């Protein structure tokens, strides 16, 4: 898994947020709630991982992310952005130093490389299910609460929509594209 935290800057964080906003603006419009979106992404991820060839599941990490790396990333980011969403909505945190989490993400990601794909999928599903459960149980007014998250002033809803939903959906889309390419090369 490529270590990114050492070179990750606040400018990169701003670019990430802009990518999430762009993804959100271009995704097909539907009537899904944020919780529905997370559940749909989890279901899509499950199907894709189940169809992942064994060779891909065991591929060695390097400078480029493998499908396993992306699965690890989804599990980690789901837990992080779900926690941030809940911390803002419940007013447990008024300010979150997002940059400090990136070095922790790389350490945790490297530790998870040893885990089998099935366990990584379970971790991702659990994080997504817990996030969806929180989103279903909280009030709209709680989701409007705001905090300083890194260089941004964000509501809990914005973190859930951009950091969690759009980010997870974009990575699931990466999985789908990779699976399509893999199926075409087998012909």
C-alpha atoms as a PDB file:
ATOM      1  CA  UNK A   1       0.000   0.000   0.000  1.00  0.00           C
ATOM      2  CA  UNK A   2       1.465   3.309  -1.044  1.00  0.00           C
ATOM      3  CA  UNK A   3       2.367   5.524   1.921  1.00  0.00           C
ATOM      4  CA  UNK A   4       0.839   8.920   1.260  1.00  0.00           C
ATOM      5  CA  UNK A   5       0.812  10.697   4.600  1.00  0.00           C
ATOM      6  CA  UNK A   6       4.396  11.924   4.427  1.00  0.00           C
ATOM      7  CA  UNK A   7       3.680  14.030   1.358  1.00  0.00           C
ATOM      8  CA  UNK A   8       0.018  14.831   2.023  1.00  0.00           C
ATOM      9  CA  UNK A   9      -0.562  18.553   2.469  1.00  0.00           C
ATOM     10  CA  UNK A  10      -3.462  20.823   3.257  1.00  0.00           C
ATOM     11  CA  UNK A  11      -3.581  21.631  -0.465  1.00  0.00           C
ATOM     12  CA  UNK A  12      -4.074  17.930  -1.183  1.00  0.00           C
ATOM     13  CA  UNK A  13      -6.900  17.925   1.346  1.00  0.00           C
ATOM     14  CA  UNK A  14      -8.536  20.857  -0.427  1.00  0.00           C
ATOM     15  CA  UNK A  15      -8.151  19.070  -3.770  1.00  0.00           C
ATOM     16  CA  UNK A  16      -9.746  15.947  -2.259  1.00  0.00           C
ATOM     17  CA  UNK A  17     -12.744  17.978  -1.105  1.00  0.00           C
ATOM     18  CA  UNK A  18     -13.090  19.506  -4.585  1.00  0.00           C
ATOM     19  CA  UNK A  19     -12.953  16.020  -6.147  1.00  0.00           C
ATOM     20  CA  UNK A  20     -15.702  14.896  -3.773  1.00  0.00           C
ATOM     21  CA  UNK A  21     -17.812  17.933  -4.656  1.00  0.00           C
ATOM     22  CA  UNK A  22     -17.291  17.229  -8.373  1.00  0.00           C
ATOM     23  CA  UNK A  23     -18.223  13.564  -7.906  1.00  0.00           C
ATOM     24  CA  UNK A  24     -21.326  14.571  -5.970  1.00  0.00           C
ATOM     25  CA  UNK A  25     -22.404  17.013  -8.682  1.00  0.00           C
ATOM     26  CA  UNK A  26     -22.026  14.451 -11.465  1.00  0.00           C
ATOM     27  CA  UNK A  27     -23.519  11.376  -9.783  1.00  0.00           C
ATOM     28  CA  UNK A  28     -26.941  10.320 -11.030  1.00  0.00           C
ATOM     29  CA  UNK A  29     -29.729  12.021  -9.151  1.00  0.00           C
ATOM     30  CA  UNK A  30     -31.948   9.790  -7.055  1.00  0.00           C
ATOM     31  CA  UNK A  31     -34.090   9.935  -3.942  1.00  0.00           C
ATOM     32  CA  UNK A  32     -31.661   7.983  -1.783  1.00  0.00           C
ATOM     33  CA  UNK A  33     -30.867   9.224   1.696  1.00  0.00           C
ATOM     34  CA  UNK A  34     -27.242   9.299   2.811  1.00  0.00           C
ATOM     35  CA  UNK A  35     -27.851   6.073   4.759  1.00  0.00           C
ATOM     36  CA  UNK A  36     -29.412   4.477   1.668  1.00  0.00           C
ATOM     37  CA  UNK A  37     -26.381   5.496  -0.371  1.00  0.00           C
ATOM     38  CA  UNK A  38     -23.995   3.891   2.106  1.00  0.00           C
ATOM     39  CA  UNK A  39     -26.026   0.688   2.151  1.00  0.00           C
ATOM     40  CA  UNK A  40     -26.133   0.587  -1.651  1.00  0.00           C
ATOM     41  CA  UNK A  41     -22.368   1.183  -1.840  1.00  0.00           C
ATOM     42  CA  UNK A  42     -21.793  -1.587   0.702  1.00  0.00           C
ATOM     43  CA  UNK A  43     -23.935  -4.003  -1.322  1.00  0.00           C
ATOM     44  CA  UNK A  44     -22.091  -3.098  -4.549  1.00  0.00           C
ATOM     45  CA  UNK A  45     -18.743  -3.489  -2.809  1.00  0.00           C
ATOM     46  CA  UNK A  46     -19.755  -6.905  -1.498  1.00  0.00           C
ATOM     47  CA  UNK A  47     -20.712  -8.109  -4.991  1.00  0.00           C
ATOM     48  CA  UNK A  48     -17.471  -6.794  -6.470  1.00  0.00           C
ATOM     49  CA  UNK A  49     -15.254  -8.334  -3.804  1.00  0.00           C
ATOM     50  CA  UNK A  50     -17.026 -11.678  -4.164  1.00  0.00           C
ATOM     51  CA  UNK A  51     -16.269 -11.565  -7.910  1.00  0.00           C
ATOM     52  CA  UNK A  52     -12.646 -10.494  -7.403  1.00  0.00           C
ATOM     53  CA  UNK A  53     -10.235 -13.074  -8.846  1.00  0.00           C
ATOM     54  CA  UNK A  54      -8.038 -14.740  -6.200  1.00  0.00           C
ATOM     55  CA  UNK A  55      -4.910 -13.393  -7.897  1.00  0.00           C
ATOM     56  CA  UNK A  56      -6.161  -9.827  -7.421  1.00  0.00           C
ATOM     57  CA  UNK A  57      -6.978 -10.471  -3.762  1.00  0.00           C
ATOM     58  CA  UNK A  58      -3.399 -11.578  -3.185  1.00  0.00           C
ATOM     59  CA  UNK A  59      -1.692  -8.993  -5.392  1.00  0.00           C
ATOM     60  CA  UNK A  60       1.346  -7.336  -3.889  1.00  0.00           C
ATOM     61  CA  UNK A  61       1.045  -3.682  -2.943  1.00  0.00           C
ATOM     62  CA  UNK A  62       3.425  -1.217  -4.457  1.00  0.00           C
ATOM     63  CA  UNK A  63       3.279   2.327  -5.722  1.00  0.00           C
ATOM     64  CA  UNK A  64      -0.107   1.685  -7.344  1.00  0.00           C
ATOM     65  CA  UNK A  65      -3.065   0.682  -5.215  1.00  0.00           C
ATOM     66  CA  UNK A  66      -4.466  -2.799  -5.700  1.00  0.00           C
ATOM     67  CA  UNK A  67      -8.125  -3.673  -5.200  1.00  0.00           C
ATOM     68  CA  UNK A  68      -7.166  -4.940  -1.753  1.00  0.00           C
ATOM     69  CA  UNK A  69      -5.577  -1.567  -0.960  1.00  0.00           C
ATOM     70  CA  UNK A  70      -8.765   0.200  -2.025  1.00  0.00           C
ATOM     71  CA  UNK A  71     -10.805  -2.146   0.175  1.00  0.00           C
ATOM     72  CA  UNK A  72      -8.529  -1.345   3.132  1.00  0.00           C
ATOM     73  CA  UNK A  73      -8.903   2.360   2.367  1.00  0.00           C
ATOM     74  CA  UNK A  74     -12.705   2.129   2.246  1.00  0.00           C
ATOM     75  CA  UNK A  75     -12.763   0.444   5.652  1.00  0.00           C
ATOM     76  CA  UNK A  76     -10.482   3.057   7.170  1.00  0.00           C
ATOM     77  CA  UNK A  77     -12.079   6.130   5.632  1.00  0.00           C
ATOM     78  CA  UNK A  78     -15.572   4.893   6.459  1.00  0.00           C
ATOM     79  CA  UNK A  79     -14.666   4.645  10.115  1.00  0.00           C
ATOM     80  CA  UNK A  80     -12.939   8.021  10.129  1.00  0.00           C
ATOM     81  CA  UNK A  81     -15.603  10.033   8.334  1.00  0.00           C
ATOM     82  CA  UNK A  82     -18.401   8.296  10.244  1.00  0.00           C
ATOM     83  CA  UNK A  83     -16.679   9.253  13.499  1.00  0.00           C
ATOM     84  CA  UNK A  84     -16.233  12.858  12.320  1.00  0.00           C
ATOM     85  CA  UNK A  85     -19.897  13.020  11.270  1.00  0.00           C
ATOM     86  CA  UNK A  86     -21.046  11.724  14.642  1.00  0.00           C
ATOM     87  CA  UNK A  87     -18.603  13.926  16.582  1.00  0.00           C
ATOM     88  CA  UNK A  88     -19.953  17.041  14.871  1.00  0.00           C
ATOM     89  CA  UNK A  89     -23.618  16.018  15.049  1.00  0.00           C
ATOM     90  CA  UNK A  90     -23.401  15.213  18.766  1.00  0.00           C
ATOM     91  CA  UNK A  91     -21.238  18.269  19.460  1.00  0.00           C
ATOM     92  CA  UNK A  92     -18.505  16.057  20.899  1.00  0.00           C
ATOM     93  CA  UNK A  93     -15.898  17.930  18.823  1.00  0.00           C
ATOM     94  CA  UNK A  94     -15.838  21.565  17.714  1.00  0.00           C
ATOM     95  CA  UNK A  95     -12.532  21.194  15.884  1.00  0.00           C
ATOM     96  CA  UNK A  96     -10.901  18.161  14.269  1.00  0.00           C
ATOM     97  CA  UNK A  97      -7.270  18.132  13.137  1.00  0.00           C
ATOM     98  CA  UNK A  98      -7.778  16.077  10.014  1.00  0.00           C
ATOM     99  CA  UNK A  99      -4.124  16.058   8.954  1.00  0.00           C
ATOM    100  CA  UNK A 100      -3.133  14.099  12.070  1.00  0.00           C
ATOM    101  CA  UNK A 101      -5.336  11.212  10.916  1.00  0.00           C
ATOM    102  CA  UNK A 102      -3.482  10.653   7.652  1.00  0.00           C
ATOM    103  CA  UNK A 103      -0.308   9.218   9.173  1.00  0.00           C
ATOM    104  CA  UNK A 104      -2.473   6.981  11.365  1.00  0.00           C
ATOM    105  CA  UNK A 105      -4.372   5.867   8.248  1.00  0.00           C
ATOM    106  CA  UNK A 106      -1.152   4.700   6.593  1.00  0.00           C
ATOM    107  CA  UNK A 107      -0.027   2.798   9.709  1.00  0.00           C
ATOM    108  CA  UNK A 108      -3.427   1.127  10.115  1.00  0.00           C
ATOM    109  CA  UNK A 109      -3.563   0.383   6.386  1.00  0.00           C
ATOM    110  CA  UNK A 110      -0.157  -1.280   6.458  1.00  0.00           C
ATOM    111  CA  UNK A 111      -1.259  -3.440   9.404  1.00  0.00           C
ATOM    112  CA  UNK A 112      -4.399  -4.517   7.545  1.00  0.00           C
ATOM    113  CA  UNK A 113      -2.423  -5.710   4.503  1.00  0.00           C
ATOM    114  CA  UNK A 114      -1.934  -9.026   6.288  1.00  0.00           C
ATOM    115  CA  UNK A 115      -5.676  -9.599   6.684  1.00  0.00           C
ATOM    116  CA  UNK A 116      -7.607 -11.765   4.219  1.00  0.00           C
ATOM    117  CA  UNK A 117      -9.963 -10.007   1.799  1.00  0.00           C
ATOM    118  CA  UNK A 118     -13.038 -11.524   3.478  1.00  0.00           C
ATOM    119  CA  UNK A 119     -12.062  -9.935   6.801  1.00  0.00           C
ATOM    120  CA  UNK A 120     -11.342  -6.585   5.125  1.00  0.00           C
ATOM    121  CA  UNK A 121     -14.777  -6.702   3.518  1.00  0.00           C
ATOM    122  CA  UNK A 122     -16.356  -7.421   6.900  1.00  0.00           C
ATOM    123  CA  UNK A 123     -14.544  -4.414   8.393  1.00  0.00           C
ATOM    124  CA  UNK A 124     -15.733  -2.139   5.577  1.00  0.00           C
ATOM    125  CA  UNK A 125     -19.309  -3.458   5.810  1.00  0.00           C
ATOM    126  CA  UNK A 126     -19.350  -2.970   9.589  1.00  0.00           C
ATOM    127  CA  UNK A 127     -18.104   0.618   9.302  1.00  0.00           C
ATOM    128  CA  UNK A 128     -20.611   1.421   6.564  1.00  0.00           C
ATOM    129  CA  UNK A 129     -23.475  -0.219   8.479  1.00  0.00           C
ATOM    130  CA  UNK A 130     -22.621   1.698  11.647  1.00  0.00           C
ATOM    131  CA  UNK A 131     -22.436   4.971   9.721  1.00  0.00           C
ATOM    132  CA  UNK A 132     -25.786   4.285   8.029  1.00  0.00           C
ATOM    133  CA  UNK A 133     -27.305   3.420  11.404  1.00  0.00           C
ATOM    134  CA  UNK A 134     -26.125   6.677  12.901  1.00  0.00           C
ATOM    135  CA  UNK A 135     -27.423   8.677   9.942  1.00  0.00           C
ATOM    136  CA  UNK A 136     -30.827   7.012  10.295  1.00  0.00           C
ATOM    137  CA  UNK A 137     -30.987   7.655  14.035  1.00  0.00           C
ATOM    138  CA  UNK A 138     -29.874  11.269  14.177  1.00  0.00           C
ATOM    139  CA  UNK A 139     -31.980  14.351  13.576  1.00  0.00           C
ATOM    140  CA  UNK A 140     -31.738  16.682  10.600  1.00  0.00           C
ATOM    141  CA  UNK A 141     -30.880  19.548  12.963  1.00  0.00           C
ATOM    142  CA  UNK A 142     -27.963  17.544  14.430  1.00  0.00           C
ATOM    143  CA  UNK A 143     -26.608  16.989  10.908  1.00  0.00           C
ATOM    144  CA  UNK A 144     -26.622  20.750  10.364  1.00  0.00           C
ATOM    145  CA  UNK A 145     -24.220  21.348  13.258  1.00  0.00           C
ATOM    146  CA  UNK A 146     -20.849  22.624  12.128  1.00  0.00           C
ATOM    147  CA  UNK A 147     -17.217  22.256  13.170  1.00  0.00           C
ATOM    148  CA  UNK A 148     -13.774  23.130  11.909  1.00  0.00           C
ATOM    149  CA  UNK A 149     -12.492  20.041  10.097  1.00  0.00           C
ATOM    150  CA  UNK A 150      -8.936  20.660   8.976  1.00  0.00           C
ATOM    151  CA  UNK A 151      -9.029  23.912   6.996  1.00  0.00           C
ATOM    152  CA  UNK A 152     -12.807  23.668   6.432  1.00  0.00           C
ATOM    153  CA  UNK A 153     -15.934  24.731   8.251  1.00  0.00           C
ATOM    154  CA  UNK A 154     -18.252  21.774   7.589  1.00  0.00           C
ATOM    155  CA  UNK A 155     -21.584  20.512   8.792  1.00  0.00           C
ATOM    156  CA  UNK A 156     -21.998  16.910   9.875  1.00  0.00           C
ATOM    157  CA  UNK A 157     -24.164  16.425   6.765  1.00  0.00           C
ATOM    158  CA  UNK A 158     -21.418  17.758   4.481  1.00  0.00           C
ATOM    159  CA  UNK A 159     -18.872  15.380   6.022  1.00  0.00           C
ATOM    160  CA  UNK A 160     -21.299  12.472   5.599  1.00  0.00           C
ATOM    161  CA  UNK A 161     -22.217  13.405   2.037  1.00  0.00           C
ATOM    162  CA  UNK A 162     -18.767  14.354   0.721  1.00  0.00           C
ATOM    163  CA  UNK A 163     -16.211  12.619   2.947  1.00  0.00           C
ATOM    164  CA  UNK A 164     -18.194   9.452   3.454  1.00  0.00           C
ATOM    165  CA  UNK A 165     -20.788   8.834   0.720  1.00  0.00           C
ATOM    166  CA  UNK A 166     -19.120  10.439  -2.303  1.00  0.00           C
ATOM    167  CA  UNK A 167     -15.690   9.133  -1.306  1.00  0.00           C
ATOM    168  CA  UNK A 168     -16.894   5.566  -0.774  1.00  0.00           C
ATOM    169  CA  UNK A 169     -19.000   5.626  -3.945  1.00  0.00           C
ATOM    170  CA  UNK A 170     -16.048   6.882  -5.995  1.00  0.00           C
ATOM    171  CA  UNK A 171     -13.870   4.017  -4.719  1.00  0.00           C
ATOM    172  CA  UNK A 172     -16.605   1.468  -5.378  1.00  0.00           C
ATOM    173  CA  UNK A 173     -16.781   2.904  -8.888  1.00  0.00           C
ATOM    174  CA  UNK A 174     -13.009   2.300  -9.168  1.00  0.00           C
ATOM    175  CA  UNK A 175     -13.654  -1.335  -8.240  1.00  0.00           C
ATOM    176  CA  UNK A 176     -16.343  -1.604 -10.921  1.00  0.00           C
ATOM    177  CA  UNK A 177     -14.071  -0.165 -13.596  1.00  0.00           C
ATOM    178  CA  UNK A 178     -11.226  -2.487 -12.589  1.00  0.00           C
ATOM    179  CA  UNK A 179     -13.573  -5.499 -12.632  1.00  0.00           C
ATOM    180  CA  UNK A 180     -14.844  -4.545 -16.087  1.00  0.00           C
ATOM    181  CA  UNK A 181     -11.293  -4.182 -17.412  1.00  0.00           C
ATOM    182  CA  UNK A 182     -10.283  -7.510 -15.879  1.00  0.00           C
ATOM    183  CA  UNK A 183     -13.251  -9.254 -17.497  1.00  0.00           C
ATOM    184  CA  UNK A 184     -12.393  -7.787 -20.907  1.00  0.00           C
ATOM    185  CA  UNK A 185      -8.765  -8.916 -20.721  1.00  0.00           C
ATOM    186  CA  UNK A 186      -9.859 -12.503 -19.994  1.00  0.00           C
ATOM    187  CA  UNK A 187     -11.612 -12.771 -23.361  1.00  0.00           C
END
